[in-house]
Amino acid sequence: MERKFILAPSILAADFGQLNQEIDMINQSEAEWLHVDVMDGHFVPNLSFGIPLVKSMAKASNKLVDVHLMISNPESYIHKYHEAGAEMLTFHYEATDHVHSLAQQIRAMGAKAGCAINPHTPVELLFDVLEDLDMVCIMSVNPGFGGQKFIYRTLNKITRLRNEIDQRNLSTLIEIDGGVGLHNAEKILQAGAHVLVAGSAVFKSDDPIATIRKFKEIEKNSYTV
């Protein structure tokens, strides 16, 4: 049965001086998730939200809180971010030697487990652990900064992963993070994505609520979740 994809506005692109108002706007919108990028200045060359701020945002949000850990040693922090309100916890394949056990730990806490891969990482490296993941996040830009252009080679990665998921009748979601906008959303969905992370496209638009509505109105003629 065909159903709508999930839109996850990325709070990294919001006005940090008006976070409560920005989250309230997302609460009132048709978006399903709130995407929160956590950066440590080590795994990626930037810093963003710490645990207290994530806790505050999660408390203010009535959407599923999708926390993307762009950090080294994610094993040391998954419990803290889950306690702060993360419902989907995504760590990077490149940041751990223990993808399988880390995914199991996240699920054992009661959260959903996601694993992200950088643009240079083959998606096939996750095929053996798909049953243990609720979501695969394919980075379509180099992680660490917002506002980058979408890497179009990502479309082929999406299709290869979607085919594997469908052939094995799995429920693993495919999330695309980076450079997503109204100009390319339909192509990304047709390639097989389930979840779109949109930062600048939403928060830098003149009317974010209307922009979110436009995302949700995209025709998905060949798209079935």
N, C-alpha and C. Protein backbone atom coordinates (compact mmCIF):
# COMPACT_ATOMS: atom_id res chain seq x y z
N MET A 1 0.84 -1.19 0.00
CA MET A 1 0.00 0.00 0.00
C MET A 1 0.88 1.25 0.00
N GLU A 2 0.57 2.19 -0.83
CA GLU A 2 1.34 3.42 -0.91
C GLU A 2 0.99 4.33 0.25
N ARG A 3 2.01 4.93 0.86
CA ARG A 3 1.77 5.90 1.92
C ARG A 3 2.84 6.98 1.86
N LYS A 4 2.63 8.05 2.60
CA LYS A 4 3.53 9.20 2.52
C LYS A 4 4.89 8.89 3.13
N PHE A 5 5.91 9.54 2.58
CA PHE A 5 7.24 9.44 3.15
C PHE A 5 7.31 10.30 4.41
N ILE A 6 8.42 10.17 5.13
CA ILE A 6 8.63 10.92 6.37
C ILE A 6 9.53 12.11 6.09
N LEU A 7 9.13 13.28 6.56
CA LEU A 7 9.96 14.48 6.44
C LEU A 7 10.51 14.83 7.82
N ALA A 8 11.84 15.04 7.88
CA ALA A 8 12.51 15.32 9.15
C ALA A 8 13.30 16.62 9.04
N PRO A 9 12.68 17.76 9.33
CA PRO A 9 13.41 19.03 9.28
C PRO A 9 14.60 19.01 10.25
N SER A 10 15.75 19.49 9.77
CA SER A 10 16.96 19.49 10.58
C SER A 10 17.10 20.80 11.33
N ILE A 11 17.06 20.73 12.65
CA ILE A 11 17.10 21.91 13.50
C ILE A 11 18.45 22.63 13.41
N LEU A 12 19.46 21.97 12.83
CA LEU A 12 20.77 22.60 12.67
C LEU A 12 20.68 23.86 11.81
N ALA A 13 19.69 23.92 10.91
CA ALA A 13 19.53 25.06 10.01
C ALA A 13 18.62 26.14 10.59
N ALA A 14 18.13 25.93 11.79
CA ALA A 14 17.19 26.88 12.40
C ALA A 14 17.93 28.10 12.95
N ASP A 15 17.16 29.08 13.36
CA ASP A 15 17.69 30.27 14.04
C ASP A 15 17.88 29.90 15.51
N PHE A 16 19.13 29.74 15.94
CA PHE A 16 19.42 29.29 17.30
C PHE A 16 18.95 30.29 18.36
N GLY A 17 18.74 31.52 17.95
CA GLY A 17 18.24 32.51 18.90
C GLY A 17 16.75 32.39 19.13
N GLN A 18 16.09 31.56 18.33
CA GLN A 18 14.64 31.37 18.47
C GLN A 18 14.27 29.89 18.39
N LEU A 19 15.03 29.06 19.09
CA LEU A 19 14.82 27.62 18.99
C LEU A 19 13.43 27.20 19.42
N ASN A 20 12.92 27.76 20.48
CA ASN A 20 11.58 27.38 20.94
C ASN A 20 10.53 27.68 19.88
N GLN A 21 10.65 28.86 19.25
CA GLN A 21 9.69 29.23 18.20
C GLN A 21 9.85 28.32 16.98
N GLU A 22 11.09 27.98 16.65
CA GLU A 22 11.34 27.11 15.49
C GLU A 22 10.77 25.71 15.73
N ILE A 23 10.95 25.19 16.94
CA ILE A 23 10.41 23.87 17.25
C ILE A 23 8.89 23.91 17.28
N ASP A 24 8.34 25.00 17.79
CA ASP A 24 6.88 25.13 17.80
C ASP A 24 6.34 25.15 16.37
N MET A 25 7.08 25.79 15.46
CA MET A 25 6.68 25.81 14.05
C MET A 25 6.64 24.38 13.49
N ILE A 26 7.68 23.59 13.81
CA ILE A 26 7.70 22.19 13.35
C ILE A 26 6.54 21.42 13.97
N ASN A 27 6.26 21.67 15.24
CA ASN A 27 5.13 21.01 15.91
C ASN A 27 3.82 21.27 15.18
N GLN A 28 3.67 22.46 14.64
CA GLN A 28 2.43 22.84 13.97
C GLN A 28 2.40 22.40 12.50
N SER A 29 3.49 21.89 12.01
CA SER A 29 3.61 21.55 10.58
C SER A 29 3.21 20.10 10.31
N GLU A 30 3.28 19.73 9.04
CA GLU A 30 2.97 18.36 8.61
C GLU A 30 4.19 17.44 8.70
N ALA A 31 5.34 17.96 9.11
CA ALA A 31 6.54 17.12 9.25
C ALA A 31 6.32 16.10 10.36
N GLU A 32 6.91 14.91 10.19
CA GLU A 32 6.70 13.83 11.17
C GLU A 32 7.80 13.75 12.22
N TRP A 33 9.03 14.11 11.85
CA TRP A 33 10.17 13.97 12.77
C TRP A 33 10.87 15.31 12.95
N LEU A 34 11.66 15.41 14.03
CA LEU A 34 12.59 16.51 14.23
C LEU A 34 13.99 15.91 14.22
N HIS A 35 14.82 16.35 13.26
CA HIS A 35 16.17 15.81 13.09
C HIS A 35 17.16 16.69 13.84
N VAL A 36 17.98 16.06 14.70
CA VAL A 36 18.94 16.80 15.53
C VAL A 36 20.34 16.25 15.27
N ASP A 37 21.22 17.09 14.72
CA ASP A 37 22.60 16.70 14.44
C ASP A 37 23.49 17.02 15.64
N VAL A 38 24.14 16.00 16.16
CA VAL A 38 25.08 16.18 17.27
C VAL A 38 26.49 16.03 16.72
N MET A 39 27.30 17.08 16.85
CA MET A 39 28.67 17.08 16.31
C MET A 39 29.65 17.36 17.45
N ASP A 40 30.80 16.69 17.40
CA ASP A 40 31.74 16.78 18.52
C ASP A 40 33.03 17.53 18.21
N GLY A 41 33.20 18.04 16.97
CA GLY A 41 34.42 18.74 16.63
C GLY A 41 35.60 17.81 16.42
N HIS A 42 35.35 16.50 16.48
CA HIS A 42 36.41 15.50 16.29
C HIS A 42 36.09 14.59 15.11
N PHE A 43 34.96 13.90 15.20
CA PHE A 43 34.54 13.06 14.07
C PHE A 43 34.20 13.92 12.85
N VAL A 44 33.62 15.09 13.11
CA VAL A 44 33.38 16.08 12.06
C VAL A 44 33.93 17.42 12.54
N PRO A 45 34.34 18.29 11.62
CA PRO A 45 34.99 19.55 12.01
C PRO A 45 34.01 20.65 12.39
N ASN A 46 33.12 20.35 13.32
CA ASN A 46 32.16 21.35 13.76
C ASN A 46 31.60 20.90 15.10
N LEU A 47 30.99 21.82 15.83
CA LEU A 47 30.34 21.52 17.10
C LEU A 47 28.88 21.93 17.00
N SER A 48 28.02 21.17 17.67
CA SER A 48 26.60 21.57 17.67
C SER A 48 26.00 21.37 19.05
N PHE A 49 25.02 20.47 19.15
CA PHE A 49 24.20 20.39 20.34
C PHE A 49 24.72 19.37 21.36
N GLY A 50 24.81 19.79 22.62
CA GLY A 50 25.16 18.89 23.69
C GLY A 50 23.91 18.27 24.31
N ILE A 51 24.11 17.44 25.30
CA ILE A 51 23.01 16.70 25.91
C ILE A 51 21.94 17.60 26.53
N PRO A 52 22.31 18.63 27.31
CA PRO A 52 21.26 19.49 27.91
C PRO A 52 20.36 20.15 26.87
N LEU A 53 20.96 20.61 25.76
CA LEU A 53 20.15 21.27 24.73
C LEU A 53 19.27 20.27 23.99
N VAL A 54 19.77 19.08 23.74
CA VAL A 54 18.95 18.05 23.12
C VAL A 54 17.77 17.71 24.03
N LYS A 55 18.03 17.63 25.32
CA LYS A 55 16.96 17.34 26.28
C LYS A 55 15.89 18.42 26.24
N SER A 56 16.31 19.67 26.17
CA SER A 56 15.38 20.79 26.11
C SER A 56 14.56 20.76 24.82
N MET A 57 15.21 20.47 23.69
CA MET A 57 14.50 20.42 22.42
C MET A 57 13.52 19.24 22.38
N ALA A 58 13.95 18.11 22.92
CA ALA A 58 13.07 16.93 22.93
C ALA A 58 11.83 17.19 23.77
N LYS A 59 12.01 17.92 24.87
CA LYS A 59 10.87 18.25 25.73
C LYS A 59 9.88 19.17 25.01
N ALA A 60 10.41 20.07 24.18
CA ALA A 60 9.56 21.02 23.47
C ALA A 60 8.89 20.42 22.24
N SER A 61 9.44 19.33 21.72
CA SER A 61 8.96 18.75 20.47
C SER A 61 7.85 17.73 20.70
N ASN A 62 6.84 17.75 19.83
CA ASN A 62 5.83 16.69 19.86
C ASN A 62 5.99 15.74 18.67
N LYS A 63 7.14 15.86 17.98
CA LYS A 63 7.48 14.96 16.88
C LYS A 63 8.51 13.94 17.36
N LEU A 64 8.66 12.84 16.61
CA LEU A 64 9.71 11.88 16.93
C LEU A 64 11.06 12.59 16.84
N VAL A 65 11.89 12.42 17.87
CA VAL A 65 13.20 13.08 17.91
C VAL A 65 14.25 12.14 17.34
N ASP A 66 14.77 12.53 16.19
CA ASP A 66 15.70 11.74 15.38
C ASP A 66 17.10 12.32 15.58
N VAL A 67 17.90 11.70 16.46
CA VAL A 67 19.21 12.23 16.82
C VAL A 67 20.30 11.54 16.01
N HIS A 68 21.06 12.33 15.29
CA HIS A 68 22.15 11.85 14.42
C HIS A 68 23.47 12.16 15.11
N LEU A 69 24.13 11.12 15.61
CA LEU A 69 25.38 11.27 16.34
C LEU A 69 26.57 11.28 15.38
N MET A 70 27.03 12.47 15.03
CA MET A 70 28.24 12.61 14.21
C MET A 70 29.41 12.77 15.18
N ILE A 71 29.68 11.72 15.95
CA ILE A 71 30.65 11.80 17.02
C ILE A 71 31.53 10.55 17.06
N SER A 72 32.72 10.72 17.61
CA SER A 72 33.59 9.58 17.87
C SER A 72 33.11 8.87 19.14
N ASN A 73 33.42 7.60 19.26
CA ASN A 73 33.05 6.80 20.44
C ASN A 73 31.56 6.90 20.79
N PRO A 74 30.68 6.64 19.84
CA PRO A 74 29.24 6.75 20.13
C PRO A 74 28.80 5.83 21.26
N GLU A 75 29.54 4.73 21.48
CA GLU A 75 29.18 3.79 22.55
C GLU A 75 29.09 4.47 23.91
N SER A 76 29.89 5.52 24.08
CA SER A 76 29.95 6.20 25.38
C SER A 76 28.79 7.16 25.61
N TYR A 77 28.00 7.43 24.56
CA TYR A 77 27.01 8.49 24.67
C TYR A 77 25.58 8.07 24.35
N ILE A 78 25.37 6.87 23.82
CA ILE A 78 24.02 6.51 23.39
C ILE A 78 23.03 6.54 24.55
N HIS A 79 23.42 6.07 25.73
CA HIS A 79 22.50 6.08 26.87
C HIS A 79 22.12 7.50 27.27
N LYS A 80 23.11 8.40 27.25
CA LYS A 80 22.85 9.78 27.66
C LYS A 80 21.90 10.49 26.70
N TYR A 81 22.09 10.26 25.41
CA TYR A 81 21.21 10.92 24.45
C TYR A 81 19.82 10.28 24.43
N HIS A 82 19.75 9.00 24.69
CA HIS A 82 18.43 8.37 24.81
C HIS A 82 17.70 8.93 26.02
N GLU A 83 18.39 9.07 27.14
CA GLU A 83 17.78 9.64 28.33
C GLU A 83 17.36 11.10 28.11
N ALA A 84 18.07 11.78 27.19
CA ALA A 84 17.75 13.17 26.88
C ALA A 84 16.51 13.28 25.99
N GLY A 85 16.07 12.16 25.41
CA GLY A 85 14.84 12.19 24.62
C GLY A 85 14.95 11.66 23.21
N ALA A 86 16.12 11.17 22.82
CA ALA A 86 16.28 10.62 21.47
C ALA A 86 15.47 9.34 21.31
N GLU A 87 14.61 9.30 20.29
CA GLU A 87 13.80 8.11 20.02
C GLU A 87 14.40 7.28 18.90
N MET A 88 15.01 7.94 17.93
CA MET A 88 15.82 7.29 16.90
C MET A 88 17.26 7.75 17.13
N LEU A 89 18.16 6.81 17.34
CA LEU A 89 19.56 7.13 17.58
C LEU A 89 20.40 6.57 16.43
N THR A 90 21.03 7.47 15.69
CA THR A 90 21.83 7.06 14.54
C THR A 90 23.31 7.36 14.79
N PHE A 91 24.13 6.34 14.72
CA PHE A 91 25.57 6.49 14.85
C PHE A 91 26.21 6.25 13.49
N HIS A 92 27.50 6.58 13.35
CA HIS A 92 28.18 6.42 12.07
C HIS A 92 28.94 5.10 11.99
N TYR A 93 28.81 4.45 10.86
CA TYR A 93 29.57 3.24 10.58
C TYR A 93 31.07 3.50 10.75
N GLU A 94 31.52 4.67 10.32
CA GLU A 94 32.94 5.01 10.35
C GLU A 94 33.45 5.31 11.75
N ALA A 95 32.55 5.45 12.72
CA ALA A 95 32.95 5.87 14.07
C ALA A 95 33.05 4.70 15.06
N THR A 96 32.75 3.48 14.62
CA THR A 96 32.76 2.35 15.55
C THR A 96 33.23 1.08 14.85
N ASP A 97 33.80 0.18 15.61
CA ASP A 97 34.16 -1.14 15.09
C ASP A 97 33.11 -2.18 15.43
N HIS A 98 32.01 -1.74 16.05
CA HIS A 98 31.03 -2.69 16.58
C HIS A 98 29.61 -2.29 16.19
N VAL A 99 29.35 -2.23 14.90
CA VAL A 99 28.04 -1.81 14.41
C VAL A 99 26.93 -2.70 14.96
N HIS A 100 27.12 -4.01 14.87
CA HIS A 100 26.10 -4.96 15.28
C HIS A 100 25.76 -4.82 16.76
N SER A 101 26.76 -4.82 17.63
CA SER A 101 26.50 -4.77 19.06
C SER A 101 25.96 -3.40 19.48
N LEU A 102 26.42 -2.34 18.82
CA LEU A 102 25.92 -1.01 19.17
C LEU A 102 24.45 -0.87 18.80
N ALA A 103 24.07 -1.40 17.64
CA ALA A 103 22.66 -1.38 17.25
C ALA A 103 21.82 -2.16 18.25
N GLN A 104 22.32 -3.31 18.70
CA GLN A 104 21.59 -4.10 19.69
C GLN A 104 21.45 -3.36 21.01
N GLN A 105 22.50 -2.65 21.42
CA GLN A 105 22.44 -1.88 22.66
C GLN A 105 21.37 -0.79 22.59
N ILE A 106 21.31 -0.12 21.45
CA ILE A 106 20.32 0.95 21.28
C ILE A 106 18.91 0.38 21.35
N ARG A 107 18.68 -0.72 20.68
CA ARG A 107 17.36 -1.34 20.72
C ARG A 107 17.01 -1.83 22.13
N ALA A 108 18.00 -2.34 22.84
CA ALA A 108 17.76 -2.84 24.19
C ALA A 108 17.33 -1.71 25.13
N MET A 109 17.74 -0.48 24.83
CA MET A 109 17.34 0.67 25.65
C MET A 109 15.90 1.09 25.38
N GLY A 110 15.36 0.60 24.27
CA GLY A 110 14.00 0.99 23.91
C GLY A 110 13.94 2.03 22.81
N ALA A 111 15.10 2.37 22.22
CA ALA A 111 15.14 3.32 21.11
C ALA A 111 15.23 2.57 19.79
N LYS A 112 15.06 3.28 18.71
CA LYS A 112 15.26 2.72 17.38
C LYS A 112 16.72 2.97 16.97
N ALA A 113 17.31 2.00 16.27
CA ALA A 113 18.73 2.07 15.93
C ALA A 113 18.94 2.41 14.47
N GLY A 114 19.74 3.44 14.23
CA GLY A 114 20.10 3.82 12.88
C GLY A 114 21.61 3.83 12.72
N CYS A 115 22.07 3.59 11.49
CA CYS A 115 23.49 3.66 11.19
C CYS A 115 23.66 4.53 9.95
N ALA A 116 24.56 5.51 10.04
CA ALA A 116 24.82 6.42 8.92
C ALA A 116 26.12 6.06 8.23
N ILE A 117 26.17 6.33 6.93
CA ILE A 117 27.41 6.14 6.17
C ILE A 117 27.75 7.42 5.43
N ASN A 118 29.04 7.72 5.38
CA ASN A 118 29.53 8.89 4.67
C ASN A 118 29.52 8.65 3.16
N PRO A 119 29.65 9.72 2.37
CA PRO A 119 29.57 9.56 0.91
C PRO A 119 30.56 8.56 0.32
N HIS A 120 31.74 8.38 0.94
CA HIS A 120 32.74 7.48 0.37
C HIS A 120 32.55 6.03 0.79
N THR A 121 31.60 5.76 1.69
CA THR A 121 31.44 4.41 2.24
C THR A 121 30.43 3.61 1.42
N PRO A 122 30.81 2.43 0.92
CA PRO A 122 29.86 1.60 0.15
C PRO A 122 28.69 1.14 1.02
N VAL A 123 27.50 1.25 0.50
CA VAL A 123 26.32 0.87 1.27
C VAL A 123 26.29 -0.63 1.53
N GLU A 124 26.96 -1.40 0.69
CA GLU A 124 26.98 -2.86 0.85
C GLU A 124 27.60 -3.30 2.17
N LEU A 125 28.40 -2.45 2.79
CA LEU A 125 29.04 -2.80 4.05
C LEU A 125 28.03 -2.98 5.19
N LEU A 126 26.80 -2.51 4.98
CA LEU A 126 25.77 -2.66 6.01
C LEU A 126 24.80 -3.81 5.73
N PHE A 127 24.97 -4.49 4.61
CA PHE A 127 24.00 -5.52 4.24
C PHE A 127 23.90 -6.63 5.29
N ASP A 128 25.00 -6.97 5.93
CA ASP A 128 24.98 -8.07 6.89
C ASP A 128 24.33 -7.70 8.23
N VAL A 129 24.05 -6.42 8.44
CA VAL A 129 23.45 -6.02 9.72
C VAL A 129 22.10 -5.34 9.55
N LEU A 130 21.52 -5.42 8.35
CA LEU A 130 20.26 -4.73 8.10
C LEU A 130 19.14 -5.17 9.03
N GLU A 131 19.13 -6.46 9.38
CA GLU A 131 18.08 -6.95 10.29
C GLU A 131 18.15 -6.29 11.66
N ASP A 132 19.32 -5.80 12.02
CA ASP A 132 19.52 -5.20 13.34
C ASP A 132 19.37 -3.69 13.33
N LEU A 133 19.06 -3.12 12.17
CA LEU A 133 18.92 -1.68 12.05
C LEU A 133 17.49 -1.29 11.71
N ASP A 134 16.99 -0.27 12.38
CA ASP A 134 15.68 0.27 12.03
C ASP A 134 15.80 1.26 10.88
N MET A 135 17.02 1.79 10.70
CA MET A 135 17.20 2.79 9.64
C MET A 135 18.66 2.85 9.21
N VAL A 136 18.87 3.11 7.93
CA VAL A 136 20.18 3.45 7.39
C VAL A 136 20.10 4.89 6.90
N CYS A 137 21.01 5.71 7.39
CA CYS A 137 21.09 7.11 6.95
C CYS A 137 22.23 7.23 5.94
N ILE A 138 21.90 7.54 4.71
CA ILE A 138 22.91 7.74 3.68
C ILE A 138 23.22 9.23 3.59
N MET A 139 24.45 9.59 3.91
CA MET A 139 24.86 10.99 3.81
C MET A 139 25.05 11.35 2.34
N SER A 140 24.34 12.39 1.92
CA SER A 140 24.42 12.84 0.53
C SER A 140 25.23 14.13 0.42
N VAL A 141 25.91 14.49 1.50
CA VAL A 141 26.93 15.53 1.54
C VAL A 141 27.99 15.04 2.53
N ASN A 142 29.11 15.73 2.59
CA ASN A 142 30.10 15.40 3.60
C ASN A 142 29.62 15.94 4.95
N PRO A 143 29.58 15.11 5.98
CA PRO A 143 28.98 15.53 7.25
C PRO A 143 29.76 16.63 7.96
N GLY A 144 29.03 17.47 8.67
CA GLY A 144 29.67 18.48 9.48
C GLY A 144 29.17 19.89 9.26
N PHE A 145 28.61 20.17 8.09
CA PHE A 145 28.14 21.51 7.79
C PHE A 145 26.84 21.45 6.99
N GLY A 146 25.94 22.38 7.27
CA GLY A 146 24.70 22.46 6.52
C GLY A 146 24.89 23.27 5.24
N GLY A 147 23.89 23.23 4.39
CA GLY A 147 23.88 24.06 3.19
C GLY A 147 24.70 23.55 2.02
N GLN A 148 25.17 22.30 2.06
CA GLN A 148 25.97 21.76 0.96
C GLN A 148 25.07 21.23 -0.17
N LYS A 149 25.69 21.07 -1.34
CA LYS A 149 24.95 20.56 -2.50
C LYS A 149 24.86 19.04 -2.45
N PHE A 150 23.72 18.53 -2.85
CA PHE A 150 23.45 17.10 -2.90
C PHE A 150 24.40 16.39 -3.87
N ILE A 151 24.98 15.27 -3.42
CA ILE A 151 25.85 14.45 -4.27
C ILE A 151 24.96 13.45 -5.02
N TYR A 152 24.83 13.63 -6.32
CA TYR A 152 23.84 12.85 -7.08
C TYR A 152 24.19 11.38 -7.25
N ARG A 153 25.46 11.02 -7.01
CA ARG A 153 25.81 9.59 -7.04
C ARG A 153 25.09 8.84 -5.92
N THR A 154 24.58 9.59 -4.95
CA THR A 154 23.84 8.99 -3.85
C THR A 154 22.61 8.23 -4.34
N LEU A 155 22.03 8.66 -5.43
CA LEU A 155 20.80 8.03 -5.93
C LEU A 155 21.03 6.55 -6.22
N ASN A 156 22.19 6.22 -6.75
CA ASN A 156 22.49 4.82 -7.05
C ASN A 156 22.64 4.01 -5.77
N LYS A 157 23.23 4.61 -4.74
CA LYS A 157 23.36 3.93 -3.44
C LYS A 157 21.98 3.64 -2.85
N ILE A 158 21.09 4.62 -2.96
CA ILE A 158 19.74 4.44 -2.43
C ILE A 158 19.07 3.25 -3.10
N THR A 159 19.16 3.19 -4.43
CA THR A 159 18.50 2.12 -5.17
C THR A 159 19.07 0.76 -4.81
N ARG A 160 20.39 0.66 -4.69
CA ARG A 160 21.00 -0.62 -4.33
C ARG A 160 20.54 -1.06 -2.94
N LEU A 161 20.48 -0.14 -2.01
CA LEU A 161 20.04 -0.48 -0.65
C LEU A 161 18.56 -0.85 -0.62
N ARG A 162 17.75 -0.09 -1.33
CA ARG A 162 16.30 -0.36 -1.35
C ARG A 162 16.01 -1.73 -1.95
N ASN A 163 16.74 -2.09 -3.01
CA ASN A 163 16.55 -3.40 -3.63
C ASN A 163 16.88 -4.51 -2.64
N GLU A 164 17.96 -4.33 -1.88
CA GLU A 164 18.35 -5.35 -0.89
C GLU A 164 17.30 -5.48 0.20
N ILE A 165 16.80 -4.34 0.69
CA ILE A 165 15.78 -4.35 1.73
C ILE A 165 14.51 -5.03 1.24
N ASP A 166 14.08 -4.69 0.02
CA ASP A 166 12.86 -5.27 -0.53
C ASP A 166 13.00 -6.76 -0.80
N GLN A 167 14.15 -7.17 -1.32
CA GLN A 167 14.36 -8.59 -1.62
C GLN A 167 14.33 -9.44 -0.36
N ARG A 168 14.76 -8.87 0.74
CA ARG A 168 14.78 -9.61 2.01
C ARG A 168 13.54 -9.33 2.87
N ASN A 169 12.61 -8.53 2.32
CA ASN A 169 11.35 -8.23 2.99
C ASN A 169 11.59 -7.64 4.38
N LEU A 170 12.52 -6.69 4.46
CA LEU A 170 12.84 -6.04 5.72
C LEU A 170 12.07 -4.72 5.85
N SER A 171 12.00 -4.20 7.05
CA SER A 171 11.30 -2.94 7.29
C SER A 171 12.26 -1.79 7.56
N THR A 172 13.54 -2.00 7.31
CA THR A 172 14.56 -0.98 7.53
C THR A 172 14.28 0.25 6.67
N LEU A 173 14.28 1.41 7.30
CA LEU A 173 14.05 2.66 6.59
C LEU A 173 15.35 3.19 5.98
N ILE A 174 15.22 3.95 4.90
CA ILE A 174 16.35 4.63 4.28
C ILE A 174 16.14 6.14 4.45
N GLU A 175 17.07 6.76 5.16
CA GLU A 175 17.02 8.21 5.37
C GLU A 175 18.12 8.87 4.55
N ILE A 176 17.80 10.01 3.94
CA ILE A 176 18.77 10.76 3.14
C ILE A 176 18.99 12.11 3.80
N ASP A 177 20.27 12.40 4.06
CA ASP A 177 20.63 13.59 4.82
C ASP A 177 21.68 14.39 4.06
N GLY A 178 21.29 15.61 3.63
CA GLY A 178 22.24 16.51 3.00
C GLY A 178 21.83 16.99 1.63
N GLY A 179 21.63 18.29 1.49
CA GLY A 179 21.33 18.86 0.18
C GLY A 179 19.96 18.54 -0.37
N VAL A 180 19.04 18.13 0.51
CA VAL A 180 17.69 17.76 0.07
C VAL A 180 16.83 19.02 -0.04
N GLY A 181 16.15 19.16 -1.18
CA GLY A 181 15.26 20.31 -1.37
C GLY A 181 14.09 19.94 -2.26
N LEU A 182 13.25 20.91 -2.52
CA LEU A 182 12.09 20.66 -3.37
C LEU A 182 12.52 20.33 -4.80
N HIS A 183 13.72 20.73 -5.20
CA HIS A 183 14.19 20.51 -6.56
C HIS A 183 14.61 19.07 -6.81
N ASN A 184 14.95 18.32 -5.75
CA ASN A 184 15.43 16.95 -5.97
C ASN A 184 14.70 15.89 -5.13
N ALA A 185 13.75 16.30 -4.31
CA ALA A 185 13.08 15.36 -3.42
C ALA A 185 12.39 14.22 -4.17
N GLU A 186 11.74 14.53 -5.29
CA GLU A 186 11.02 13.49 -6.02
C GLU A 186 11.98 12.43 -6.56
N LYS A 187 13.14 12.85 -7.09
CA LYS A 187 14.12 11.90 -7.59
C LYS A 187 14.65 11.01 -6.46
N ILE A 188 14.86 11.60 -5.29
CA ILE A 188 15.37 10.84 -4.15
C ILE A 188 14.35 9.80 -3.71
N LEU A 189 13.09 10.19 -3.67
CA LEU A 189 12.03 9.25 -3.28
C LEU A 189 11.87 8.14 -4.31
N GLN A 190 11.94 8.50 -5.58
CA GLN A 190 11.80 7.49 -6.63
C GLN A 190 12.96 6.50 -6.62
N ALA A 191 14.12 6.93 -6.12
CA ALA A 191 15.26 6.02 -6.00
C ALA A 191 15.05 5.00 -4.89
N GLY A 192 14.13 5.33 -3.94
CA GLY A 192 13.80 4.36 -2.91
C GLY A 192 13.88 4.83 -1.48
N ALA A 193 14.09 6.11 -1.25
CA ALA A 193 14.20 6.63 0.12
C ALA A 193 12.86 6.64 0.83
N HIS A 194 12.91 6.54 2.17
CA HIS A 194 11.70 6.61 3.00
C HIS A 194 11.63 7.90 3.80
N VAL A 195 12.80 8.44 4.19
CA VAL A 195 12.88 9.59 5.08
C VAL A 195 13.78 10.65 4.47
N LEU A 196 13.30 11.89 4.41
CA LEU A 196 14.09 13.00 3.89
C LEU A 196 14.41 13.98 5.02
N VAL A 197 15.69 14.25 5.20
CA VAL A 197 16.13 15.29 6.14
C VAL A 197 16.29 16.57 5.33
N ALA A 198 15.59 17.62 5.74
CA ALA A 198 15.67 18.91 5.04
C ALA A 198 15.98 20.00 6.05
N GLY A 199 17.10 20.68 5.85
CA GLY A 199 17.50 21.73 6.78
C GLY A 199 17.28 23.11 6.20
N SER A 200 18.24 23.58 5.41
CA SER A 200 18.15 24.91 4.82
C SER A 200 16.91 25.08 3.96
N ALA A 201 16.51 24.00 3.26
CA ALA A 201 15.34 24.07 2.38
C ALA A 201 14.09 24.47 3.15
N VAL A 202 14.03 24.09 4.42
CA VAL A 202 12.87 24.43 5.25
C VAL A 202 13.11 25.73 6.01
N PHE A 203 14.15 25.75 6.84
CA PHE A 203 14.32 26.86 7.77
C PHE A 203 14.78 28.15 7.12
N LYS A 204 15.41 28.09 5.95
CA LYS A 204 15.86 29.30 5.27
C LYS A 204 14.83 29.79 4.25
N SER A 205 13.72 29.10 4.14
CA SER A 205 12.69 29.52 3.19
C SER A 205 11.87 30.67 3.78
N ASP A 206 11.18 31.39 2.93
CA ASP A 206 10.37 32.52 3.39
C ASP A 206 9.21 32.08 4.25
N ASP A 207 8.68 30.88 3.97
CA ASP A 207 7.53 30.36 4.71
C ASP A 207 7.75 28.88 4.97
N PRO A 208 8.43 28.53 6.08
CA PRO A 208 8.76 27.13 6.35
C PRO A 208 7.55 26.20 6.38
N ILE A 209 6.45 26.64 6.95
CA ILE A 209 5.24 25.81 7.01
C ILE A 209 4.77 25.47 5.60
N ALA A 210 4.76 26.47 4.72
CA ALA A 210 4.33 26.25 3.34
C ALA A 210 5.32 25.35 2.60
N THR A 211 6.60 25.51 2.89
CA THR A 211 7.62 24.67 2.25
C THR A 211 7.45 23.22 2.66
N ILE A 212 7.20 22.99 3.93
CA ILE A 212 6.95 21.62 4.41
C ILE A 212 5.72 21.05 3.71
N ARG A 213 4.69 21.85 3.54
CA ARG A 213 3.48 21.39 2.85
C ARG A 213 3.79 21.02 1.40
N LYS A 214 4.66 21.80 0.76
CA LYS A 214 5.05 21.49 -0.62
C LYS A 214 5.81 20.17 -0.70
N PHE A 215 6.67 19.92 0.29
CA PHE A 215 7.36 18.64 0.34
C PHE A 215 6.35 17.50 0.42
N LYS A 216 5.36 17.66 1.29
CA LYS A 216 4.39 16.60 1.52
C LYS A 216 3.43 16.42 0.35
N GLU A 217 3.36 17.40 -0.54
CA GLU A 217 2.46 17.31 -1.69
C GLU A 217 3.15 16.73 -2.92
N ILE A 218 4.43 16.41 -2.79
CA ILE A 218 5.17 15.88 -3.95
C ILE A 218 4.50 14.60 -4.46
N GLU A 219 4.28 14.56 -5.75
CA GLU A 219 3.69 13.36 -6.35
C GLU A 219 4.68 12.21 -6.29
N LYS A 220 4.22 11.06 -5.89
CA LYS A 220 5.07 9.88 -5.75
C LYS A 220 4.52 8.75 -6.61
N ASN A 221 4.40 9.01 -7.91
CA ASN A 221 3.75 8.06 -8.82
C ASN A 221 4.38 6.68 -8.80
N SER A 222 5.71 6.65 -8.65
CA SER A 222 6.40 5.35 -8.68
C SER A 222 7.00 5.02 -7.32
N TYR A 223 6.48 5.67 -6.29
CA TYR A 223 7.08 5.52 -4.95
C TYR A 223 6.14 4.76 -4.02
N THR A 224 6.59 3.64 -3.54
CA THR A 224 5.83 2.88 -2.55
C THR A 224 6.75 2.51 -1.40
N VAL A 225 6.38 2.88 -0.18
CA VAL A 225 7.20 2.57 0.99
C VAL A 225 7.22 1.09 1.24
